[in-house]
Protein backbone atom coordinates (compact mmCIF):
# COMPACT_ATOMS: atom_id res chain seq x y z
CA MET A 1 -39.20 1.90 -14.45
CA ALA A 2 -36.96 3.78 -12.00
CA GLU A 3 -40.05 5.33 -10.40
CA GLU A 4 -41.63 1.91 -9.94
CA PHE A 5 -38.43 0.57 -8.35
CA LYS A 6 -38.30 3.52 -5.94
CA LYS A 7 -41.96 2.98 -5.01
CA LYS A 8 -41.26 -0.70 -4.22
CA LYS A 9 -38.20 0.26 -2.18
CA ASP A 10 -40.22 2.78 -0.17
CA GLU A 11 -42.93 0.20 0.48
CA ILE A 12 -40.38 -2.30 1.85
CA TYR A 13 -38.80 0.36 4.07
CA LYS A 14 -42.28 1.28 5.37
CA LEU A 15 -42.87 -2.41 6.14
CA VAL A 16 -39.54 -2.59 8.03
CA LEU A 17 -40.42 0.50 10.10
CA GLU A 18 -43.84 -0.96 10.90
CA PHE A 19 -42.24 -4.25 11.99
CA GLU A 20 -39.72 -2.44 14.21
CA MET A 21 -42.43 -0.28 15.78
CA LYS A 22 -44.56 -3.34 16.62
CA MET A 23 -41.55 -5.18 18.05
CA LYS A 24 -40.55 -2.16 20.16
CA ASN A 25 -44.07 -1.67 21.56
CA ASP A 26 -44.73 -5.40 22.03
CA ILE A 27 -47.71 -5.34 19.65
CA ASP A 28 -48.92 -8.64 18.22
CA ILE A 29 -47.30 -9.24 14.85
CA TYR A 30 -48.19 -11.49 12.00
CA TYR A 31 -47.05 -11.29 8.41
CA ASP A 32 -47.01 -13.88 5.65
CA SER A 33 -43.65 -15.50 4.92
CA GLU A 34 -43.10 -13.38 1.80
CA SER A 35 -43.36 -10.14 3.82
CA TYR A 36 -40.90 -11.49 6.39
CA GLU A 37 -38.51 -12.36 3.54
CA LYS A 38 -38.69 -8.72 2.33
CA ILE A 39 -38.01 -7.43 5.85
CA THR A 40 -35.08 -9.79 6.36
CA LYS A 41 -33.65 -9.03 2.92
CA TRP A 42 -33.71 -5.30 3.75
CA TYR A 43 -31.61 -5.96 6.86
CA ILE A 44 -29.18 -8.12 4.84
CA ASP A 45 -28.86 -5.53 2.05
CA ASN A 46 -28.14 -2.83 4.64
CA HIS A 47 -25.64 -5.01 6.56
CA LYS A 48 -27.76 -4.93 9.73
CA PHE A 49 -27.17 -8.59 10.38
CA LYS A 50 -27.98 -8.71 14.09
CA PHE A 51 -31.35 -7.03 13.49
CA GLY A 52 -31.86 -9.37 10.54
CA LEU A 53 -31.19 -12.41 12.70
CA LYS A 54 -33.72 -11.22 15.26
CA ALA A 55 -36.29 -10.64 12.50
CA VAL A 56 -35.78 -13.99 10.78
CA ASN A 57 -35.92 -15.90 14.07
CA PHE A 58 -39.23 -14.20 14.83
CA ALA A 59 -40.47 -15.03 11.33
CA LEU A 60 -39.49 -18.70 11.73
CA SER A 61 -41.45 -18.90 14.98
CA GLN A 62 -44.53 -18.37 12.79
CA HIS A 63 -43.36 -20.04 9.55
CA GLN A 64 -41.10 -22.85 10.74
CA PHE A 65 -41.44 -24.77 7.46
CA SER A 66 -40.25 -21.96 5.19
CA SER A 67 -37.05 -23.09 3.49
CA ASP A 68 -36.54 -19.56 2.08
CA LEU A 69 -36.50 -18.05 5.56
CA LEU A 70 -34.08 -20.76 6.71
CA ILE A 71 -31.79 -19.89 3.77
CA GLN A 72 -31.94 -16.21 4.73
CA LYS A 73 -31.07 -17.12 8.30
CA ALA A 74 -28.09 -19.13 7.05
CA ASN A 75 -26.87 -16.18 4.95
CA ILE A 76 -27.03 -13.90 8.00
CA LEU A 77 -25.17 -16.45 10.14
CA ILE A 78 -22.49 -16.74 7.42
CA ALA A 79 -22.10 -12.94 7.46
CA LEU A 80 -21.73 -13.13 11.25
CA GLN A 81 -19.17 -15.98 10.77
CA LYS A 82 -21.31 -18.46 12.70
CA PHE A 83 -20.70 -21.21 10.19
CA SER A 84 -21.80 -24.26 12.22
CA ASP A 85 -25.12 -22.58 13.02
CA ALA A 86 -25.49 -21.62 9.35
CA LEU A 87 -24.94 -25.25 8.32
CA PHE A 88 -27.61 -26.41 10.79
CA SER A 89 -30.10 -23.93 9.30
CA LEU A 90 -29.25 -25.08 5.76
CA GLU A 91 -29.66 -28.73 6.71
CA ARG A 92 -33.17 -27.91 7.94
CA ALA A 93 -33.90 -26.09 4.69
CA HIS A 94 -32.52 -29.06 2.71
CA SER A 95 -34.82 -31.48 4.53
CA LEU A 96 -37.79 -29.31 3.48
CA ASN A 97 -36.61 -28.79 -0.09
CA PRO A 98 -34.16 -31.59 -0.99
CA THR A 99 -33.71 -30.64 -4.67
CA ASP A 100 -33.01 -26.89 -4.30
CA GLU A 101 -29.58 -26.37 -5.89
CA ASN A 102 -28.99 -23.07 -4.08
CA ILE A 103 -29.17 -24.95 -0.78
CA PHE A 104 -26.68 -27.52 -2.10
CA ILE A 105 -24.28 -24.76 -3.16
CA LEU A 106 -24.55 -22.87 0.14
CA MET A 107 -24.08 -26.06 2.16
CA GLY A 108 -21.06 -26.96 0.06
CA GLN A 109 -19.54 -23.49 0.59
CA VAL A 110 -20.05 -23.65 4.36
CA LYS A 111 -18.58 -27.15 4.55
CA ILE A 112 -15.51 -25.90 2.66
CA ILE A 113 -15.13 -23.05 5.18
CA LEU A 114 -15.43 -25.60 8.00
CA ALA A 115 -12.77 -27.76 6.26
CA GLU A 116 -15.33 -30.57 5.78
CA TYR A 117 -14.03 -31.14 2.26
CA LYS A 118 -15.16 -34.73 1.71
CA GLY A 119 -18.66 -33.85 2.86
CA ALA A 120 -18.73 -30.80 0.58
CA ILE A 121 -17.59 -32.79 -2.47
CA SER A 122 -20.05 -35.61 -1.80
CA LEU A 123 -22.93 -33.17 -1.35
CA LEU A 124 -22.09 -31.20 -4.47
CA ASN A 125 -21.76 -34.38 -6.54
CA ASP A 126 -25.29 -35.30 -5.40
CA ALA A 127 -26.41 -31.84 -6.52
CA LEU A 128 -25.27 -32.50 -10.09
CA GLN A 129 -28.28 -34.78 -10.67
CA TYR A 130 -30.75 -32.03 -9.72
CA SER A 131 -29.02 -28.87 -10.86
CA GLU A 132 -29.73 -26.97 -14.03
CA ASN A 133 -26.58 -24.91 -13.39
CA LYS A 134 -24.04 -27.71 -13.59
CA ASP A 135 -21.29 -25.20 -14.40
CA GLU A 136 -21.65 -23.64 -10.94
CA ILE A 137 -21.74 -27.01 -9.15
CA ASN A 138 -18.56 -28.13 -10.95
CA TYR A 139 -16.95 -24.83 -10.02
CA GLN A 140 -17.83 -25.31 -6.34
CA ILE A 141 -16.37 -28.85 -6.39
CA GLY A 142 -13.22 -27.35 -7.90
CA LEU A 143 -13.06 -24.86 -5.02
CA ALA A 144 -13.32 -27.73 -2.51
CA TYR A 145 -10.25 -29.38 -4.07
CA GLN A 146 -8.42 -26.06 -4.39
CA SER A 147 -8.97 -25.39 -0.68
CA GLN A 148 -7.13 -28.66 0.02
CA LYS A 149 -4.30 -27.56 -2.32
CA LYS A 150 -5.27 -30.38 -4.71
CA PHE A 151 -4.78 -28.16 -7.73
CA LYS A 152 -4.78 -30.85 -10.44
CA GLU A 153 -8.13 -32.23 -9.26
CA ALA A 154 -9.47 -28.67 -8.96
CA SER A 155 -8.41 -27.96 -12.56
CA VAL A 156 -10.50 -30.86 -13.83
CA TYR A 157 -13.70 -29.41 -12.33
CA PHE A 158 -12.91 -25.84 -13.34
CA LYS A 159 -12.48 -27.14 -16.91
CA ASN A 160 -15.82 -28.95 -16.62
CA ALA A 161 -17.46 -25.69 -15.56
CA ILE A 162 -15.91 -23.80 -18.50
CA GLU A 163 -16.88 -26.48 -21.02
CA ILE A 164 -20.51 -26.05 -19.89
CA ASN A 165 -20.29 -22.24 -19.71
CA ILE A 166 -17.31 -20.59 -21.39
CA ASN A 167 -18.27 -17.27 -19.75
CA HIS A 168 -17.95 -18.57 -16.17
CA GLU A 169 -15.57 -15.80 -15.11
CA ASN A 170 -14.55 -17.30 -11.74
CA ALA A 171 -13.83 -20.74 -13.23
CA LEU A 172 -11.64 -19.15 -15.91
CA TYR A 173 -9.74 -17.18 -13.28
CA ASP A 174 -9.27 -20.08 -10.83
CA LEU A 175 -8.23 -22.46 -13.59
CA ALA A 176 -5.43 -20.06 -14.53
CA TYR A 177 -4.39 -19.87 -10.85
CA CYS A 178 -4.26 -23.69 -10.52
CA GLN A 179 -2.30 -24.06 -13.74
CA GLU A 180 0.20 -21.48 -12.53
CA ILE A 181 0.69 -23.43 -9.29
CA ASN A 182 1.06 -26.66 -11.29
CA GLY A 183 3.61 -25.05 -13.62
CA GLU A 184 1.27 -25.49 -16.58
CA LEU A 185 0.83 -21.86 -17.66
CA GLU A 186 2.39 -22.44 -21.10
CA ASN A 187 -0.03 -25.30 -21.77
CA SER A 188 -3.00 -23.26 -20.58
CA VAL A 189 -2.43 -20.74 -23.40
CA HIS A 190 -3.50 -23.43 -25.91
CA TYR A 191 -6.44 -24.33 -23.70
CA TYR A 192 -7.81 -20.77 -23.61
CA LYS A 193 -7.18 -20.31 -27.33
CA LYS A 194 -9.30 -23.41 -27.96
CA PHE A 195 -12.20 -21.80 -26.11
CA ILE A 196 -11.67 -18.54 -27.97
CA ASP A 197 -11.84 -20.46 -31.28
CA GLU A 198 -15.21 -21.84 -30.14
CA ASP A 199 -16.47 -18.47 -28.90
CA PRO A 200 -14.33 -15.56 -30.13
CA TYR A 201 -16.69 -13.09 -28.42
CA SER A 202 -16.05 -14.31 -24.89
CA GLU A 203 -14.51 -11.28 -23.16
CA TYR A 204 -13.78 -13.45 -20.11
CA ALA A 205 -11.72 -15.93 -22.13
CA TRP A 206 -9.72 -13.08 -23.70
CA PHE A 207 -9.28 -11.45 -20.28
CA ASN A 208 -7.93 -14.63 -18.69
CA LEU A 209 -5.67 -15.30 -21.67
CA GLY A 210 -4.28 -11.82 -21.06
CA ASN A 211 -3.70 -12.65 -17.40
CA ILE A 212 -1.77 -15.78 -18.38
CA PHE A 213 0.43 -13.77 -20.75
CA LEU A 214 1.01 -11.26 -17.92
CA LYS A 215 2.20 -14.06 -15.64
CA LEU A 216 4.40 -15.42 -18.45
CA LYS A 217 5.87 -11.89 -18.80
CA SER A 218 4.71 -11.77 -22.42
CA TYR A 219 3.46 -8.23 -22.02
CA LYS A 220 2.79 -7.33 -25.65
CA ARG A 221 0.59 -10.39 -26.13
CA ALA A 222 -1.11 -9.67 -22.80
CA ALA A 223 -1.96 -6.16 -23.99
CA GLU A 224 -3.38 -7.54 -27.25
CA ALA A 225 -5.60 -10.01 -25.35
CA PHE A 226 -6.93 -7.30 -23.00
CA GLU A 227 -7.61 -5.05 -26.01
CA PHE A 228 -9.75 -7.83 -27.55
CA ALA A 229 -11.67 -8.15 -24.27
CA ILE A 230 -12.32 -4.39 -24.31
CA ALA A 231 -13.36 -4.48 -27.98
CA ILE A 232 -16.08 -6.97 -26.99
CA ASP A 233 -17.08 -5.13 -23.81
CA ASP A 234 -15.95 -1.50 -23.73
CA GLU A 235 -17.00 -1.20 -20.07
CA TYR A 236 -14.87 -4.11 -18.82
CA SER A 237 -13.09 -2.23 -16.04
CA SER A 238 -10.73 -5.04 -14.98
CA ALA A 239 -9.55 -5.39 -18.58
CA TYR A 240 -8.65 -1.68 -18.70
CA SER A 241 -6.79 -1.99 -15.40
CA ASN A 242 -4.82 -5.05 -16.53
CA LEU A 243 -4.15 -3.46 -19.91
CA ALA A 244 -2.66 -0.55 -17.99
CA GLU A 245 -0.47 -3.00 -16.04
CA SER A 246 0.76 -4.47 -19.32
CA TYR A 247 1.78 -1.00 -20.53
CA ILE A 248 3.61 -0.37 -17.24
CA HIS A 249 5.79 -3.39 -18.09
CA LEU A 250 6.11 -2.22 -21.71
CA LYS A 251 7.31 1.14 -20.33
CA ASP A 252 4.54 3.06 -22.09
CA TYR A 253 3.55 4.99 -19.00
CA GLN A 254 1.31 7.53 -20.74
CA LEU A 255 -0.90 4.76 -22.12
CA SER A 256 -0.83 3.04 -18.76
CA LYS A 257 -2.06 6.20 -17.06
CA LYS A 258 -4.80 6.62 -19.69
CA TYR A 259 -6.22 3.13 -19.06
CA PHE A 260 -6.01 3.39 -15.28
CA TYR A 261 -8.06 6.59 -15.57
CA LYS A 262 -10.60 4.72 -17.74
CA SER A 263 -10.91 2.07 -15.03
CA LEU A 264 -11.45 4.84 -12.46
CA GLU A 265 -14.17 6.35 -14.67
CA LEU A 266 -16.00 2.99 -14.89
CA ASP A 267 -15.64 1.74 -11.31
CA GLY A 268 -15.21 4.92 -9.31
CA PRO A 269 -12.63 5.57 -6.58
CA SER A 270 -10.90 2.71 -4.76
CA PRO A 271 -7.57 2.34 -2.95
CA GLU A 272 -6.37 0.02 -5.72
CA ILE A 273 -7.07 2.36 -8.64
CA TYR A 274 -5.71 5.46 -6.91
CA SER A 275 -2.57 3.50 -6.01
CA SER A 276 -2.18 2.34 -9.62
CA ILE A 277 -2.56 5.87 -10.97
CA GLY A 278 0.01 7.05 -8.42
CA ARG A 279 2.38 4.36 -9.64
CA ALA A 280 1.93 5.46 -13.27
CA TYR A 281 2.83 9.05 -12.31
CA TYR A 282 5.86 7.72 -10.42
CA TYR A 283 7.16 6.10 -13.62
CA LEU A 284 6.46 9.34 -15.47
CA ASP A 285 8.72 11.12 -12.93
CA ASP A 286 5.79 13.28 -11.82
CA PHE A 287 6.37 12.62 -8.14
CA THR A 288 4.12 15.42 -6.84
CA THR A 289 1.07 13.95 -8.62
CA SER A 290 2.16 10.44 -7.69
CA ILE A 291 2.19 11.39 -4.00
CA LYS A 292 -1.24 13.06 -4.35
CA TYR A 293 -2.91 9.90 -5.70
CA LEU A 294 -1.14 7.56 -3.30
CA GLN A 295 -2.37 9.69 -0.40
CA LYS A 296 -5.90 9.51 -1.84
CA SER A 297 -5.55 5.71 -1.82
CA ILE A 298 -4.55 5.66 1.86
CA LYS A 299 -7.39 8.03 2.75
CA ILE A 300 -9.84 5.36 1.55
CA ASP A 301 -7.96 2.43 3.11
CA GLN A 302 -5.34 3.16 5.76
CA PHE A 303 -4.15 -0.46 5.56
CA PHE A 304 -3.38 -0.42 1.82
CA LYS A 305 0.29 -1.32 2.13
CA GLU A 306 1.32 -0.89 -1.53
CA SER A 307 0.41 2.79 -1.41
CA TYR A 308 2.67 3.34 1.60
CA TYR A 309 5.49 1.57 -0.26
CA TRP A 310 5.12 3.67 -3.43
CA LEU A 311 4.78 6.83 -1.37
CA GLY A 312 8.15 5.98 0.13
CA LYS A 313 9.64 5.43 -3.34
CA SER A 314 8.22 8.73 -4.60
CA LEU A 315 9.67 10.61 -1.62
CA VAL A 316 13.06 8.93 -2.13
CA SER A 317 13.01 10.24 -5.72
CA ILE A 318 12.83 13.81 -4.42
CA ASP A 319 15.45 13.14 -1.71
CA LYS A 320 13.01 13.23 1.20
CA TRP A 321 14.62 10.27 2.93
CA PHE A 322 13.27 10.82 6.45
CA GLU A 323 9.68 11.13 5.21
CA ALA A 324 10.20 8.07 2.99
CA ILE A 325 11.29 6.05 6.03
CA LEU A 326 7.97 6.80 7.76
CA TYR A 327 6.01 5.34 4.85
CA PHE A 328 8.34 2.38 4.28
CA LYS A 329 7.91 1.57 7.99
CA LYS A 330 4.11 1.63 7.65
CA ALA A 331 4.26 -0.73 4.67
CA PHE A 332 6.69 -3.00 6.55
CA LYS A 333 4.45 -3.14 9.64
CA LEU A 334 1.55 -4.28 7.45
CA ASP A 335 3.66 -7.00 5.80
CA ILE A 336 6.78 -7.86 7.75
CA GLU A 337 7.93 -10.50 5.25
CA ASN A 338 7.74 -8.44 2.07
CA ILE A 339 11.27 -8.35 0.67
CA ASN A 340 10.74 -5.13 -1.34
CA TYR A 341 9.50 -3.29 1.74
CA ILE A 342 12.42 -4.51 3.86
CA LYS A 343 15.04 -3.67 1.21
CA SER A 344 13.65 -0.18 0.61
CA LEU A 345 13.49 0.59 4.32
CA ALA A 346 17.01 -0.82 4.86
CA PHE A 347 18.48 1.35 2.10
CA ALA A 348 16.66 4.47 3.32
CA GLU A 349 17.94 3.87 6.87
CA PHE A 350 21.45 3.57 5.45
CA LYS A 351 21.09 6.83 3.52
CA VAL A 352 20.22 8.77 6.69
CA GLY A 353 23.06 7.13 8.65
CA ASN A 354 21.09 4.57 10.67
CA MET A 355 23.58 1.76 10.04
CA VAL A 356 22.40 -0.51 12.88
CA SER A 357 18.78 -0.49 11.66
CA SER A 358 19.91 -0.95 8.08
CA VAL A 359 22.09 -3.97 8.89
CA GLU A 360 19.30 -5.61 10.91
CA LEU A 361 16.82 -5.15 8.06
CA TYR A 362 19.15 -6.46 5.34
CA GLN A 363 19.96 -9.46 7.53
CA LYS A 364 16.24 -10.09 8.05
CA ALA A 365 15.69 -9.97 4.29
CA LEU A 366 18.50 -12.50 3.72
CA ASP A 367 17.12 -14.78 6.44
CA LEU A 368 13.74 -14.73 4.69
CA ASP A 369 15.13 -15.30 1.20
CA PRO A 370 18.80 -16.37 1.20
CA ALA A 371 18.70 -17.17 -2.52
CA ASN A 372 17.70 -13.61 -3.44
CA PHE A 373 21.05 -12.37 -4.74
CA ASN A 374 19.78 -8.80 -5.21
CA ILE A 375 19.56 -8.46 -1.42
CA SER A 376 23.22 -9.44 -1.13
CA LEU A 377 24.21 -6.97 -3.86
CA ASP A 378 22.48 -4.13 -1.99
CA PHE A 379 23.63 -5.25 1.47
CA SER A 380 27.26 -5.57 0.39
CA LEU A 381 27.15 -2.19 -1.35
CA MET A 382 26.21 -0.56 1.94
CA TYR A 383 29.42 -1.89 3.55
CA TYR A 384 31.47 -1.11 0.43
CA GLU A 385 30.35 2.52 0.39
CA SER A 386 31.03 2.72 4.13
CA GLY A 387 34.62 1.56 3.56
CA ASP A 388 34.30 -1.97 4.99
CA VAL A 389 35.36 -3.84 1.85
CA GLU A 390 36.16 -7.11 3.66
CA LYS A 391 32.59 -7.33 5.00
CA ALA A 392 31.24 -6.59 1.51
CA ILE A 393 33.39 -9.45 0.14
CA SER A 394 32.14 -11.80 2.86
CA ILE A 395 28.47 -11.08 2.03
CA ILE A 396 28.98 -11.72 -1.69
CA GLU A 397 30.94 -14.94 -1.06
CA ASP A 398 28.13 -16.23 1.18
CA SER A 399 25.63 -15.39 -1.53
CA ILE A 400 27.68 -17.24 -4.16
CA ASP A 401 27.46 -20.33 -1.93
CA GLU A 402 23.63 -19.96 -2.08
CA VAL A 403 23.39 -19.02 -5.79
CA PRO A 404 26.58 -20.35 -7.46
CA HIS A 405 25.42 -19.68 -11.05
CA GLU A 406 24.57 -15.97 -10.77
CA SER A 407 27.15 -14.02 -12.77
CA LEU A 408 26.29 -10.61 -11.24
CA LEU A 409 27.58 -11.84 -7.88
CA TYR A 410 30.95 -12.76 -9.41
CA TYR A 411 31.24 -9.43 -11.23
CA ARG A 412 30.51 -7.57 -8.00
CA LEU A 413 33.11 -9.69 -6.18
CA VAL A 414 35.66 -8.71 -8.86
CA ILE A 415 35.12 -5.04 -7.96
CA TYR A 416 35.45 -5.59 -4.23
CA LEU A 417 38.56 -7.77 -4.58
CA MET A 418 40.27 -5.18 -6.79
CA ASP A 419 39.45 -2.46 -4.29
CA ALA A 420 40.99 -4.64 -1.55
CA GLY A 421 44.18 -4.98 -3.62
CA LYS A 422 43.58 -8.69 -4.35
CA TYR A 423 44.21 -8.39 -8.10
CA LYS A 424 45.20 -11.97 -8.87
CA GLU A 425 42.14 -13.33 -7.06
CA SER A 426 39.91 -10.78 -8.82
CA ILE A 427 41.16 -11.92 -12.26
CA ASN A 428 40.34 -15.56 -11.41
CA VAL A 429 36.84 -14.55 -10.32
CA LEU A 430 36.43 -12.46 -13.48
CA GLU A 431 37.13 -15.51 -15.64
CA SER A 432 34.39 -17.42 -13.77
CA ALA A 433 31.98 -14.50 -14.26
CA LEU A 434 32.71 -14.32 -17.99
CA SER A 435 32.09 -18.04 -18.40
CA LEU A 436 28.71 -17.71 -16.68
CA ASN A 437 27.46 -14.68 -18.61
CA PHE A 438 29.84 -12.78 -20.85
CA ASP A 439 27.43 -9.95 -21.70
CA ASN A 440 27.03 -8.92 -18.05
CA HIS A 441 30.67 -7.77 -17.90
CA GLU A 442 29.55 -4.21 -18.69
CA VAL A 443 28.38 -3.79 -15.07
CA LEU A 444 32.07 -3.65 -14.09
CA PHE A 445 32.60 -0.24 -15.61
CA ASP A 446 29.88 1.34 -13.47
CA PHE A 447 32.17 0.65 -10.51
CA VAL A 448 35.66 1.09 -11.93
CA PRO A 449 36.27 4.67 -13.11
CA ASN A 450 40.06 4.29 -12.87
CA PHE A 451 41.42 3.84 -16.41
CA GLU A 452 44.39 1.70 -15.33
CA SER A 453 42.08 -0.77 -13.59
CA GLN A 454 39.73 -0.70 -16.57
CA SER A 455 42.61 -1.48 -18.93
CA ALA A 456 43.51 -4.56 -16.91
CA LEU A 457 39.90 -5.71 -16.99
CA ILE A 458 39.57 -5.01 -20.71
CA ARG A 459 42.66 -7.13 -21.46
CA VAL A 460 41.18 -10.13 -19.62
CA ILE A 461 37.78 -9.65 -21.26
CA ASN A 462 39.27 -9.34 -24.75
CA GLN A 463 41.46 -12.40 -24.19
CA TYR A 464 38.43 -14.40 -23.02
CA ARG A 465 36.45 -13.21 -26.06
CA LYS A 466 39.26 -14.26 -28.39
CA ASN A 467 39.77 -17.67 -26.81
CA ASN A 468 36.17 -18.67 -26.10
CA LEU A 469 33.78 -16.72 -28.32
CA LYS A 470 33.56 -17.00 -32.10
């Protein structure tokens, strides 16, 4: 079988070489349309789109009524991002073969790219009467609505696609995405379980149920769902990768590493899998191996920002702050609005004494996400450790205005006020913090080593417990 395939492949390559030789030497050429299709397909498969376009145009000069050649031309034009020209070619193909569902689907996809959503939906609805693959047509209509951010309408068509074909992997995935946007993830659990009851051997349904549990932060149930998917298909690479992610959250880093390696074994090297393995080693405190895999990731894709970020974190863990800054900067340049990148770079700059850069970065992070109280906690701590307690107080008070119900902000303010000698004010703030979240009071003792101060705090906490908690 393999020998026969190789023989066919060699014959097509020989045909391509013959075609190129005749074109180069201006020799008269004529092939039947099927031979031209093989030549053009070879160019498409080898990503030689400009040569392919030249070949298919020549073929159409001899076989102008071949809808298959027109479809090939459209595919090449799509690859070259000439979408209007691709649509024109598809419209010609459609006029020659008005019931070909592949033409309908391609035309719908191009119209979506061109933001001609109404036209795409109308065309794809027409295709439903001809198509034998109604699941795919419904899925494409769903994509047209999703592209317009009409997620509820999109969900209807994704559900239609799944009801026709429960193993439509893309429809299952995009339905979960739409339900997340619509705030319906909890409800979607029941929906996927219904499909699993109908077909318990659908690895795609189990996989997407796992993804929903991941998004709901129900990591144990996510792991169970991915394990079912793998039991059905033990070569389901994405399920191994997502199972590994679940174990990262469950803090079982050895298992996480094991399943990332299994994904690597099935799919081969990629920036994503090397980065994930590097992350697993980071959590295992094996920073040397973590750095090795993260560098492998970047070697494949120098724009893979997450690997730069985790490289920075690994270097921070071994106190290589200046090197860490280089990698945090690379991650930041690739995504200037990523809060984690900005915070990590800001803190690293602070640790090496670059206060001006650090302040600018923390301020940028707050401008991007003023309700992110963790930024304020970190930003204020920088001033507190530098001895500017009043500025630290000001940052926390501003953050309380943005997020008035976050107890950690009040507890941090208690610390800063006590350090500034404002004991009465700190006790009032402590009472507010205790009323918001009593259990969080333990964070105070990370900051207050002085026993006398602790005793004062303990008295207030015990009095609050006695008066308000039973």
